């Protein structure tokens, strides 16, 4: 299975409760220890000023479509099989 560099911006297949349909959401790779999981933080363009949101200054070079923030209070461990493709790197 592919390993991901910390700081990579990846599209995640986020499954709905039916486990059949999903939507693609950008995430920031925080840690990949080389197993089948990776630790990620959510990225959103719904910008609200909280102490947990970190603005992505160079959002275009990170492969994002609009100004975005990393939500550091929204950290998850996800299976690598749900990672679709890399958009860029911070």
N, C-alpha and C. Protein backbone atom coordinates (compact mmCIF):
# COMPACT_ATOMS: atom_id res chain seq x y z
N UNK A 1 0.85 -1.18 0.00
CA UNK A 1 0.00 0.00 0.00
C UNK A 1 0.89 1.24 0.00
N UNK A 2 0.45 2.28 -0.67
CA UNK A 2 1.22 3.52 -0.80
C UNK A 2 1.39 4.21 0.54
N UNK A 3 2.55 4.83 0.74
CA UNK A 3 2.79 5.65 1.92
C UNK A 3 2.64 7.11 1.54
N UNK A 4 2.18 7.93 2.48
CA UNK A 4 1.92 9.34 2.23
C UNK A 4 2.80 10.20 3.12
N UNK A 5 3.30 11.28 2.56
CA UNK A 5 4.14 12.22 3.29
C UNK A 5 3.28 13.14 4.14
N UNK A 6 3.73 13.42 5.35
CA UNK A 6 3.03 14.41 6.18
C UNK A 6 2.98 15.73 5.44
N UNK A 7 1.83 16.38 5.47
CA UNK A 7 1.65 17.63 4.74
C UNK A 7 1.00 17.46 3.38
N UNK A 8 0.79 16.22 2.97
CA UNK A 8 0.11 15.97 1.69
C UNK A 8 -1.37 16.30 1.81
N UNK A 9 -1.91 16.89 0.75
CA UNK A 9 -3.34 17.15 0.66
C UNK A 9 -3.92 16.08 -0.25
N UNK A 10 -4.85 15.29 0.29
CA UNK A 10 -5.39 14.12 -0.39
C UNK A 10 -6.91 14.21 -0.44
N UNK A 11 -7.50 13.68 -1.52
CA UNK A 11 -8.96 13.55 -1.56
C UNK A 11 -9.35 12.24 -0.88
N UNK A 12 -10.25 12.33 0.08
CA UNK A 12 -10.73 11.19 0.84
C UNK A 12 -12.14 10.84 0.38
N UNK A 13 -12.39 9.55 0.13
CA UNK A 13 -13.74 9.08 -0.14
C UNK A 13 -14.46 8.97 1.19
N UNK A 14 -15.33 9.92 1.47
CA UNK A 14 -16.06 9.94 2.74
C UNK A 14 -17.39 9.23 2.54
N UNK A 15 -17.53 8.01 3.10
CA UNK A 15 -18.76 7.24 2.87
C UNK A 15 -19.94 7.78 3.66
N UNK A 16 -21.12 7.68 3.05
CA UNK A 16 -22.37 7.98 3.74
C UNK A 16 -22.77 6.77 4.57
N UNK A 17 -23.81 6.90 5.36
CA UNK A 17 -24.22 5.83 6.26
C UNK A 17 -24.65 4.56 5.53
N UNK A 18 -25.04 4.67 4.25
CA UNK A 18 -25.43 3.46 3.51
C UNK A 18 -24.22 2.64 3.07
N UNK A 19 -23.02 3.18 3.25
CA UNK A 19 -21.75 2.51 2.91
C UNK A 19 -21.60 2.21 1.43
N UNK A 20 -22.47 2.78 0.60
CA UNK A 20 -22.39 2.58 -0.84
C UNK A 20 -21.99 3.88 -1.53
N UNK A 21 -22.64 4.97 -1.18
CA UNK A 21 -22.34 6.26 -1.78
C UNK A 21 -21.35 7.02 -0.90
N UNK A 22 -20.64 7.94 -1.55
CA UNK A 22 -19.65 8.72 -0.83
C UNK A 22 -19.48 10.07 -1.51
N UNK A 23 -18.79 10.98 -0.82
CA UNK A 23 -18.39 12.24 -1.45
C UNK A 23 -16.90 12.41 -1.20
N UNK A 24 -16.25 13.14 -2.08
CA UNK A 24 -14.82 13.38 -1.96
C UNK A 24 -14.58 14.64 -1.15
N UNK A 25 -13.70 14.54 -0.17
CA UNK A 25 -13.37 15.66 0.70
C UNK A 25 -11.85 15.75 0.85
N UNK A 26 -11.30 16.96 0.83
CA UNK A 26 -9.85 17.09 1.02
C UNK A 26 -9.48 16.93 2.49
N UNK A 27 -8.33 16.29 2.71
CA UNK A 27 -7.78 16.13 4.05
C UNK A 27 -6.28 16.39 4.00
N UNK A 28 -5.72 16.71 5.16
CA UNK A 28 -4.28 16.90 5.31
C UNK A 28 -3.71 15.69 6.03
N UNK A 29 -2.70 15.07 5.45
CA UNK A 29 -2.05 13.93 6.10
C UNK A 29 -1.18 14.46 7.24
N UNK A 30 -1.45 13.96 8.43
CA UNK A 30 -0.65 14.32 9.60
C UNK A 30 0.42 13.27 9.84
N UNK A 31 0.04 11.98 9.75
CA UNK A 31 1.00 10.91 10.03
C UNK A 31 0.62 9.64 9.27
N UNK A 32 1.63 9.05 8.64
CA UNK A 32 1.50 7.74 8.02
C UNK A 32 2.63 6.88 8.58
N UNK A 33 2.27 5.89 9.38
CA UNK A 33 3.28 5.04 10.01
C UNK A 33 3.64 3.81 9.17
N UNK A 34 3.06 3.72 7.98
CA UNK A 34 3.41 2.63 7.08
C UNK A 34 2.48 1.44 7.11
N UNK A 35 1.42 1.50 7.93
CA UNK A 35 0.46 0.40 7.94
C UNK A 35 -0.71 0.73 7.01
N UNK A 36 -1.89 0.17 7.25
CA UNK A 36 -3.03 0.37 6.36
C UNK A 36 -3.86 1.60 6.69
N UNK A 37 -3.46 2.35 7.72
CA UNK A 37 -4.20 3.54 8.13
C UNK A 37 -3.32 4.77 8.04
N UNK A 38 -3.98 5.92 8.04
CA UNK A 38 -3.28 7.21 8.03
C UNK A 38 -4.07 8.17 8.92
N UNK A 39 -3.37 9.06 9.59
CA UNK A 39 -4.03 10.06 10.44
C UNK A 39 -4.14 11.35 9.64
N UNK A 40 -5.37 11.89 9.57
CA UNK A 40 -5.64 13.07 8.74
C UNK A 40 -6.43 14.11 9.53
N UNK A 41 -6.37 15.34 9.04
CA UNK A 41 -7.20 16.43 9.56
C UNK A 41 -8.06 16.94 8.41
N UNK A 42 -9.28 17.30 8.72
CA UNK A 42 -10.20 17.80 7.70
C UNK A 42 -9.76 19.16 7.16
N UNK A 43 -10.07 19.36 5.89
CA UNK A 43 -9.88 20.66 5.24
C UNK A 43 -11.25 21.12 4.78
N UNK A 44 -11.55 22.40 4.99
CA UNK A 44 -12.84 22.93 4.55
C UNK A 44 -12.69 24.34 4.00
N UNK A 45 -13.58 24.70 3.10
CA UNK A 45 -13.64 26.07 2.59
C UNK A 45 -14.69 26.88 3.35
N UNK A 46 -15.38 26.24 4.28
CA UNK A 46 -16.35 26.92 5.14
C UNK A 46 -15.59 27.55 6.30
N UNK A 47 -15.08 28.74 6.07
CA UNK A 47 -14.16 29.36 7.01
C UNK A 47 -14.91 30.08 8.11
N UNK A 48 -14.68 29.63 9.33
CA UNK A 48 -15.16 30.30 10.53
C UNK A 48 -13.95 30.52 11.41
N UNK A 49 -13.90 31.61 12.07
CA UNK A 49 -12.73 31.93 12.87
C UNK A 49 -12.79 31.22 14.22
N UNK A 50 -12.09 30.10 14.33
CA UNK A 50 -11.95 29.43 15.62
C UNK A 50 -10.46 29.26 15.90
N UNK A 51 -10.14 28.99 17.14
CA UNK A 51 -8.73 28.82 17.48
C UNK A 51 -8.16 27.51 16.93
N UNK A 52 -9.02 26.63 16.44
CA UNK A 52 -8.58 25.34 15.93
C UNK A 52 -8.40 25.32 14.41
N UNK A 53 -8.83 26.36 13.71
CA UNK A 53 -8.71 26.43 12.26
C UNK A 53 -7.42 27.14 11.87
N UNK A 54 -6.66 26.50 10.97
CA UNK A 54 -5.42 27.09 10.49
C UNK A 54 -5.59 27.39 9.00
N UNK A 55 -5.42 28.65 8.64
CA UNK A 55 -5.60 29.07 7.26
C UNK A 55 -4.51 28.48 6.37
N UNK A 56 -4.91 28.01 5.21
CA UNK A 56 -3.97 27.54 4.20
C UNK A 56 -3.67 28.72 3.29
N UNK A 57 -2.51 29.31 3.46
CA UNK A 57 -2.15 30.52 2.71
C UNK A 57 -2.01 30.22 1.22
N UNK A 58 -1.25 29.21 0.88
CA UNK A 58 -1.01 28.86 -0.53
C UNK A 58 -1.95 27.73 -0.95
N UNK A 59 -3.25 28.00 -0.85
CA UNK A 59 -4.26 26.97 -1.11
C UNK A 59 -4.25 26.49 -2.56
N UNK A 60 -3.93 27.38 -3.51
CA UNK A 60 -3.92 26.97 -4.92
C UNK A 60 -2.79 25.99 -5.21
N UNK A 61 -1.61 26.25 -4.67
CA UNK A 61 -0.49 25.34 -4.91
C UNK A 61 -0.67 24.02 -4.16
N UNK A 62 -1.57 24.00 -3.18
CA UNK A 62 -1.90 22.75 -2.48
C UNK A 62 -2.94 21.94 -3.24
N UNK A 63 -3.41 22.47 -4.39
CA UNK A 63 -4.37 21.74 -5.21
C UNK A 63 -5.82 21.97 -4.84
N UNK A 64 -6.06 22.97 -3.98
CA UNK A 64 -7.44 23.25 -3.55
C UNK A 64 -8.11 24.24 -4.49
N UNK A 65 -9.42 24.20 -4.55
CA UNK A 65 -10.18 25.03 -5.49
C UNK A 65 -10.55 26.39 -4.94
N UNK A 66 -10.48 26.57 -3.61
CA UNK A 66 -10.86 27.85 -3.01
C UNK A 66 -10.11 28.02 -1.69
N UNK A 67 -10.10 29.23 -1.15
CA UNK A 67 -9.45 29.44 0.16
C UNK A 67 -10.01 28.47 1.19
N UNK A 68 -9.12 27.90 1.99
CA UNK A 68 -9.53 26.84 2.92
C UNK A 68 -8.75 26.92 4.22
N UNK A 69 -9.25 26.16 5.20
CA UNK A 69 -8.57 26.02 6.48
C UNK A 69 -8.47 24.54 6.83
N UNK A 70 -7.47 24.22 7.65
CA UNK A 70 -7.34 22.89 8.22
C UNK A 70 -8.01 22.94 9.59
N UNK A 71 -8.89 21.99 9.84
CA UNK A 71 -9.59 21.92 11.13
C UNK A 71 -8.82 20.96 12.06
N UNK A 72 -8.00 21.53 12.91
CA UNK A 72 -7.14 20.70 13.76
C UNK A 72 -7.89 20.00 14.88
N UNK A 73 -9.13 20.37 15.10
CA UNK A 73 -9.94 19.65 16.09
C UNK A 73 -10.78 18.55 15.45
N UNK A 74 -10.58 18.33 14.15
CA UNK A 74 -11.30 17.29 13.41
C UNK A 74 -10.27 16.31 12.82
N UNK A 75 -9.66 15.53 13.69
CA UNK A 75 -8.61 14.59 13.30
C UNK A 75 -9.20 13.18 13.33
N UNK A 76 -8.87 12.40 12.29
CA UNK A 76 -9.39 11.04 12.18
C UNK A 76 -8.30 10.08 11.72
N UNK A 77 -8.45 8.83 12.08
CA UNK A 77 -7.66 7.75 11.51
C UNK A 77 -8.53 7.07 10.47
N UNK A 78 -8.03 7.01 9.23
CA UNK A 78 -8.82 6.43 8.13
C UNK A 78 -8.00 5.36 7.42
N UNK A 79 -8.71 4.45 6.79
CA UNK A 79 -8.06 3.41 5.99
C UNK A 79 -7.53 4.02 4.70
N UNK A 80 -6.33 3.63 4.32
CA UNK A 80 -5.72 4.16 3.10
C UNK A 80 -6.54 3.84 1.86
N UNK A 81 -7.30 2.76 1.90
CA UNK A 81 -8.10 2.40 0.71
C UNK A 81 -9.14 3.47 0.39
N UNK A 82 -9.44 4.36 1.35
CA UNK A 82 -10.40 5.44 1.13
C UNK A 82 -9.77 6.70 0.54
N UNK A 83 -8.44 6.70 0.40
CA UNK A 83 -7.76 7.85 -0.16
C UNK A 83 -7.75 7.74 -1.68
N UNK A 84 -8.28 8.75 -2.34
CA UNK A 84 -8.48 8.72 -3.79
C UNK A 84 -7.23 9.14 -4.55
N UNK A 85 -6.76 10.38 -4.32
CA UNK A 85 -5.57 10.86 -5.03
C UNK A 85 -5.01 12.09 -4.32
N UNK A 86 -3.74 12.33 -4.58
CA UNK A 86 -3.08 13.49 -3.97
C UNK A 86 -3.35 14.73 -4.81
N UNK A 87 -3.68 15.83 -4.12
CA UNK A 87 -3.91 17.11 -4.78
C UNK A 87 -2.66 17.98 -4.78
N UNK A 88 -1.92 17.94 -3.68
CA UNK A 88 -0.74 18.78 -3.53
C UNK A 88 -0.10 18.54 -2.19
N UNK A 89 0.73 19.49 -1.78
CA UNK A 89 1.43 19.36 -0.50
C UNK A 89 1.58 20.75 0.11
N UNK A 90 1.54 20.81 1.43
CA UNK A 90 1.72 22.08 2.14
C UNK A 90 3.15 22.18 2.63
